[in-house]
Amino acid sequence: MKRGQIETVACRTPTAGRSGVTHIPRWKYDAVRGAIRRAMSLQTRASISFNELRLLAKTHMSEAELASLGSWGWHFTTVKLNMEVEGELKRIEGVKPQQLILVYDNRV
């Protein structure tokens, strides 16, 4: 989708009853999603906690990307939630703190 001159990605949340959509510039979405996927693919364990993933994924972003991104926490959470909606990430039910697994898909 294009908003003005900037291509954006519509991000949704998997929370039941929430129908809102947040639009993130495509480059930001792709950068954060790529960092999450790289961090997940390097894991030797089957799952990773939300907080571990947030910290590890950040190490896969350049200083310039992080500076241009703005709020790392907000962008990370928004992209992570949309990845759940898209079926790329899955929460392990009944586990606290929240644990996530990367679901195989053929997108890059």
N, C-alpha and C. Protein backbone atom coordinates (compact mmCIF):
# COMPACT_ATOMS: atom_id res chain seq x y z
N MET A 1 0.85 -1.18 0.00
CA MET A 1 0.00 0.00 0.00
C MET A 1 0.89 1.24 0.00
N LYS A 2 0.44 2.28 -0.66
CA LYS A 2 1.17 3.53 -0.67
C LYS A 2 0.39 4.58 0.08
N ARG A 3 1.07 5.24 1.00
CA ARG A 3 0.50 6.37 1.72
C ARG A 3 1.35 7.56 1.33
N GLY A 4 0.81 8.43 0.52
CA GLY A 4 1.61 9.52 -0.02
C GLY A 4 2.62 8.93 -0.98
N GLN A 5 3.89 9.18 -0.76
CA GLN A 5 4.96 8.65 -1.59
C GLN A 5 5.67 7.47 -0.96
N ILE A 6 5.24 7.06 0.22
CA ILE A 6 5.92 5.99 0.97
C ILE A 6 5.09 4.71 0.91
N GLU A 7 5.73 3.62 0.49
CA GLU A 7 5.07 2.32 0.51
C GLU A 7 5.03 1.83 1.95
N THR A 8 3.86 1.34 2.38
CA THR A 8 3.71 0.88 3.75
C THR A 8 3.19 -0.55 3.80
N VAL A 9 3.33 -1.15 4.97
CA VAL A 9 2.80 -2.49 5.23
C VAL A 9 1.72 -2.33 6.30
N ALA A 10 0.57 -2.92 6.08
CA ALA A 10 -0.52 -2.91 7.06
C ALA A 10 -0.25 -4.00 8.08
N CYS A 11 -0.05 -3.63 9.33
CA CYS A 11 0.25 -4.60 10.39
C CYS A 11 -0.98 -4.80 11.27
N ARG A 12 -1.26 -6.05 11.55
CA ARG A 12 -2.40 -6.41 12.38
C ARG A 12 -1.93 -7.14 13.63
N THR A 13 -2.83 -7.26 14.59
CA THR A 13 -2.53 -7.98 15.83
C THR A 13 -3.36 -9.25 15.88
N PRO A 14 -2.79 -10.33 16.44
CA PRO A 14 -3.55 -11.58 16.55
C PRO A 14 -4.53 -11.61 17.71
N THR A 15 -4.63 -10.52 18.47
CA THR A 15 -5.50 -10.47 19.63
C THR A 15 -6.96 -10.50 19.20
N ALA A 16 -7.70 -11.44 19.73
CA ALA A 16 -9.13 -11.56 19.40
C ALA A 16 -9.86 -10.26 19.72
N GLY A 17 -10.70 -9.83 18.80
CA GLY A 17 -11.49 -8.63 19.02
C GLY A 17 -10.80 -7.34 18.63
N ARG A 18 -9.55 -7.42 18.24
CA ARG A 18 -8.83 -6.22 17.82
C ARG A 18 -8.77 -6.20 16.31
N SER A 19 -9.35 -5.18 15.73
CA SER A 19 -9.39 -5.13 14.27
C SER A 19 -8.57 -3.98 13.70
N GLY A 20 -7.88 -3.24 14.55
CA GLY A 20 -7.12 -2.09 14.08
C GLY A 20 -5.92 -2.48 13.23
N VAL A 21 -5.52 -1.56 12.38
CA VAL A 21 -4.38 -1.77 11.50
C VAL A 21 -3.43 -0.59 11.69
N THR A 22 -2.14 -0.91 11.78
CA THR A 22 -1.09 0.10 11.86
C THR A 22 -0.28 0.02 10.58
N HIS A 23 0.04 1.14 9.99
CA HIS A 23 0.83 1.17 8.76
C HIS A 23 2.26 1.57 9.09
N ILE A 24 3.21 0.74 8.64
CA ILE A 24 4.63 0.99 8.86
C ILE A 24 5.30 1.10 7.49
N PRO A 25 6.21 2.06 7.32
CA PRO A 25 6.93 2.13 6.05
C PRO A 25 7.57 0.78 5.71
N ARG A 26 7.47 0.38 4.46
CA ARG A 26 7.96 -0.92 4.00
C ARG A 26 9.40 -1.18 4.43
N TRP A 27 10.31 -0.21 4.28
CA TRP A 27 11.71 -0.46 4.61
C TRP A 27 11.88 -0.77 6.09
N LYS A 28 11.09 -0.11 6.95
CA LYS A 28 11.19 -0.39 8.39
C LYS A 28 10.67 -1.79 8.68
N TYR A 29 9.53 -2.13 8.08
CA TYR A 29 8.96 -3.46 8.30
C TYR A 29 9.94 -4.54 7.84
N ASP A 30 10.49 -4.39 6.64
CA ASP A 30 11.40 -5.38 6.11
C ASP A 30 12.67 -5.50 6.95
N ALA A 31 13.19 -4.37 7.44
CA ALA A 31 14.40 -4.39 8.26
C ALA A 31 14.16 -5.12 9.58
N VAL A 32 13.06 -4.82 10.25
CA VAL A 32 12.76 -5.46 11.53
C VAL A 32 12.41 -6.93 11.33
N ARG A 33 11.61 -7.24 10.33
CA ARG A 33 11.25 -8.63 10.03
C ARG A 33 12.51 -9.44 9.72
N GLY A 34 13.41 -8.89 8.93
CA GLY A 34 14.65 -9.57 8.60
C GLY A 34 15.49 -9.84 9.83
N ALA A 35 15.56 -8.86 10.73
CA ALA A 35 16.32 -9.03 11.97
C ALA A 35 15.71 -10.12 12.84
N ILE A 36 14.38 -10.16 12.91
CA ILE A 36 13.69 -11.20 13.69
C ILE A 36 13.97 -12.57 13.08
N ARG A 37 13.85 -12.69 11.77
CA ARG A 37 14.07 -13.98 11.11
C ARG A 37 15.52 -14.45 11.26
N ARG A 38 16.49 -13.52 11.14
CA ARG A 38 17.89 -13.90 11.32
C ARG A 38 18.13 -14.36 12.75
N ALA A 39 17.60 -13.63 13.71
CA ALA A 39 17.77 -14.00 15.12
C ALA A 39 17.15 -15.37 15.40
N MET A 40 15.96 -15.61 14.87
CA MET A 40 15.28 -16.89 15.10
C MET A 40 16.03 -18.04 14.42
N SER A 41 16.56 -17.79 13.24
CA SER A 41 17.22 -18.86 12.49
C SER A 41 18.54 -19.29 13.13
N LEU A 42 19.12 -18.45 13.97
CA LEU A 42 20.37 -18.78 14.63
C LEU A 42 20.17 -19.50 15.96
N GLN A 43 18.93 -19.66 16.36
CA GLN A 43 18.65 -20.31 17.63
C GLN A 43 18.88 -21.82 17.55
N THR A 44 19.46 -22.37 18.60
CA THR A 44 19.64 -23.82 18.65
C THR A 44 18.51 -24.47 19.45
N ARG A 45 17.76 -23.65 20.19
CA ARG A 45 16.61 -24.15 20.94
C ARG A 45 15.38 -24.09 20.07
N ALA A 46 14.37 -24.84 20.43
CA ALA A 46 13.13 -24.88 19.64
C ALA A 46 12.36 -23.57 19.73
N SER A 47 12.46 -22.87 20.87
CA SER A 47 11.70 -21.64 21.03
C SER A 47 12.58 -20.59 21.71
N ILE A 48 12.08 -19.36 21.68
CA ILE A 48 12.78 -18.24 22.31
C ILE A 48 11.75 -17.36 22.98
N SER A 49 12.11 -16.75 24.10
CA SER A 49 11.17 -15.88 24.79
C SER A 49 11.07 -14.55 24.05
N PHE A 50 9.97 -13.87 24.25
CA PHE A 50 9.74 -12.56 23.64
C PHE A 50 10.90 -11.62 23.95
N ASN A 51 11.30 -11.53 25.23
CA ASN A 51 12.36 -10.61 25.62
C ASN A 51 13.71 -10.99 25.03
N GLU A 52 14.02 -12.27 25.00
CA GLU A 52 15.27 -12.71 24.37
C GLU A 52 15.28 -12.35 22.89
N LEU A 53 14.17 -12.59 22.22
CA LEU A 53 14.08 -12.29 20.79
C LEU A 53 14.22 -10.80 20.54
N ARG A 54 13.59 -9.99 21.37
CA ARG A 54 13.67 -8.53 21.22
C ARG A 54 15.13 -8.07 21.32
N LEU A 55 15.86 -8.59 22.29
CA LEU A 55 17.26 -8.21 22.46
C LEU A 55 18.15 -8.76 21.35
N LEU A 56 17.95 -10.01 20.99
CA LEU A 56 18.78 -10.64 19.96
C LEU A 56 18.53 -10.04 18.58
N ALA A 57 17.28 -9.80 18.24
CA ALA A 57 16.96 -9.23 16.93
C ALA A 57 17.59 -7.85 16.78
N LYS A 58 17.64 -7.09 17.85
CA LYS A 58 18.22 -5.75 17.80
C LYS A 58 19.68 -5.80 17.37
N THR A 59 20.39 -6.87 17.71
CA THR A 59 21.80 -6.99 17.33
C THR A 59 21.96 -7.24 15.83
N HIS A 60 20.87 -7.56 15.16
CA HIS A 60 20.90 -7.80 13.71
C HIS A 60 20.49 -6.56 12.91
N MET A 61 20.41 -5.43 13.60
CA MET A 61 20.12 -4.15 12.95
C MET A 61 21.37 -3.29 13.02
N SER A 62 21.62 -2.51 11.96
CA SER A 62 22.77 -1.60 11.98
C SER A 62 22.43 -0.38 12.85
N GLU A 63 23.46 0.32 13.28
CA GLU A 63 23.25 1.54 14.06
C GLU A 63 22.44 2.56 13.25
N ALA A 64 22.73 2.64 11.96
CA ALA A 64 22.00 3.59 11.10
C ALA A 64 20.52 3.21 11.00
N GLU A 65 20.23 1.91 10.86
CA GLU A 65 18.83 1.46 10.80
C GLU A 65 18.12 1.78 12.10
N LEU A 66 18.77 1.49 13.23
CA LEU A 66 18.15 1.75 14.53
C LEU A 66 17.90 3.24 14.72
N ALA A 67 18.84 4.07 14.30
CA ALA A 67 18.66 5.52 14.45
C ALA A 67 17.51 6.01 13.59
N SER A 68 17.38 5.48 12.38
CA SER A 68 16.31 5.90 11.47
C SER A 68 14.95 5.32 11.86
N LEU A 69 14.99 4.20 12.56
CA LEU A 69 13.76 3.50 12.93
C LEU A 69 12.92 4.30 13.90
N GLY A 70 13.56 4.91 14.87
CA GLY A 70 12.81 5.56 15.93
C GLY A 70 12.73 4.63 17.12
N SER A 71 11.54 4.24 17.52
CA SER A 71 11.34 3.38 18.69
C SER A 71 11.53 1.91 18.31
N TRP A 72 12.62 1.30 18.75
CA TRP A 72 12.87 -0.12 18.49
C TRP A 72 11.76 -0.98 19.09
N GLY A 73 11.42 -0.75 20.35
CA GLY A 73 10.43 -1.58 21.04
C GLY A 73 9.08 -1.58 20.34
N TRP A 74 8.60 -0.41 19.95
CA TRP A 74 7.30 -0.31 19.28
C TRP A 74 7.33 -1.02 17.94
N HIS A 75 8.36 -0.75 17.12
CA HIS A 75 8.45 -1.38 15.80
C HIS A 75 8.62 -2.90 15.93
N PHE A 76 9.46 -3.33 16.86
CA PHE A 76 9.67 -4.76 17.05
C PHE A 76 8.34 -5.45 17.40
N THR A 77 7.63 -4.92 18.37
CA THR A 77 6.37 -5.53 18.82
C THR A 77 5.34 -5.53 17.70
N THR A 78 5.22 -4.44 16.98
CA THR A 78 4.23 -4.34 15.90
C THR A 78 4.53 -5.34 14.79
N VAL A 79 5.79 -5.44 14.38
CA VAL A 79 6.16 -6.38 13.32
C VAL A 79 6.01 -7.81 13.82
N LYS A 80 6.42 -8.09 15.05
CA LYS A 80 6.30 -9.44 15.62
C LYS A 80 4.83 -9.88 15.65
N LEU A 81 3.94 -9.00 16.06
CA LEU A 81 2.51 -9.34 16.09
C LEU A 81 1.99 -9.62 14.69
N ASN A 82 2.40 -8.81 13.72
CA ASN A 82 1.95 -9.04 12.35
C ASN A 82 2.51 -10.36 11.81
N MET A 83 3.73 -10.70 12.19
CA MET A 83 4.31 -11.98 11.77
C MET A 83 3.50 -13.15 12.34
N GLU A 84 2.91 -12.97 13.52
CA GLU A 84 2.02 -13.99 14.08
C GLU A 84 0.76 -14.09 13.22
N VAL A 85 0.19 -12.94 12.87
CA VAL A 85 -1.02 -12.93 12.03
C VAL A 85 -0.73 -13.60 10.70
N GLU A 86 0.44 -13.33 10.13
CA GLU A 86 0.82 -13.89 8.82
C GLU A 86 1.23 -15.35 8.91
N GLY A 87 1.37 -15.89 10.11
CA GLY A 87 1.74 -17.29 10.28
C GLY A 87 3.23 -17.57 10.26
N GLU A 88 4.05 -16.54 10.32
CA GLU A 88 5.51 -16.72 10.33
C GLU A 88 6.04 -17.07 11.71
N LEU A 89 5.44 -16.51 12.73
CA LEU A 89 5.80 -16.80 14.11
C LEU A 89 4.59 -17.40 14.80
N LYS A 90 4.85 -18.24 15.78
CA LYS A 90 3.77 -18.84 16.53
C LYS A 90 4.13 -18.84 18.01
N ARG A 91 3.15 -18.47 18.83
CA ARG A 91 3.32 -18.53 20.28
C ARG A 91 3.07 -19.95 20.75
N ILE A 92 3.84 -20.39 21.71
CA ILE A 92 3.59 -21.69 22.33
C ILE A 92 2.54 -21.46 23.40
N GLU A 93 1.41 -22.10 23.26
CA GLU A 93 0.27 -21.90 24.17
C GLU A 93 0.59 -22.36 25.58
N GLY A 94 0.09 -21.62 26.55
CA GLY A 94 0.18 -22.00 27.95
C GLY A 94 1.55 -21.89 28.57
N VAL A 95 2.46 -21.19 27.94
CA VAL A 95 3.82 -21.05 28.46
C VAL A 95 4.06 -19.59 28.83
N LYS A 96 4.58 -19.38 30.04
CA LYS A 96 4.93 -18.04 30.50
C LYS A 96 6.38 -18.06 30.91
N PRO A 97 7.23 -17.08 30.59
CA PRO A 97 6.88 -15.96 29.72
C PRO A 97 6.66 -16.43 28.29
N GLN A 98 6.09 -15.55 27.49
CA GLN A 98 5.74 -15.86 26.11
C GLN A 98 6.94 -16.46 25.36
N GLN A 99 6.71 -17.61 24.73
CA GLN A 99 7.73 -18.29 23.93
C GLN A 99 7.26 -18.33 22.48
N LEU A 100 8.21 -18.15 21.56
CA LEU A 100 7.88 -18.08 20.14
C LEU A 100 8.72 -19.08 19.36
N ILE A 101 8.13 -19.57 18.27
CA ILE A 101 8.86 -20.41 17.32
C ILE A 101 8.69 -19.81 15.93
N LEU A 102 9.70 -20.02 15.10
CA LEU A 102 9.64 -19.58 13.72
C LEU A 102 8.98 -20.69 12.91
N VAL A 103 7.93 -20.34 12.21
CA VAL A 103 7.23 -21.30 11.36
C VAL A 103 7.82 -21.19 9.97
N TYR A 104 8.18 -22.31 9.41
CA TYR A 104 8.79 -22.31 8.07
C TYR A 104 7.81 -21.72 7.06
N ASP A 105 8.36 -20.85 6.22
CA ASP A 105 7.61 -20.41 5.05
C ASP A 105 8.63 -20.11 3.96
N ASN A 106 8.20 -19.97 2.75
CA ASN A 106 9.15 -19.81 1.66
C ASN A 106 9.38 -18.36 1.25
N ARG A 107 8.87 -17.42 2.05
CA ARG A 107 9.15 -16.01 1.76
C ARG A 107 10.56 -15.68 2.24
N VAL A 108 11.16 -14.72 1.62
CA VAL A 108 12.53 -14.30 2.01
C VAL A 108 12.44 -13.13 2.94
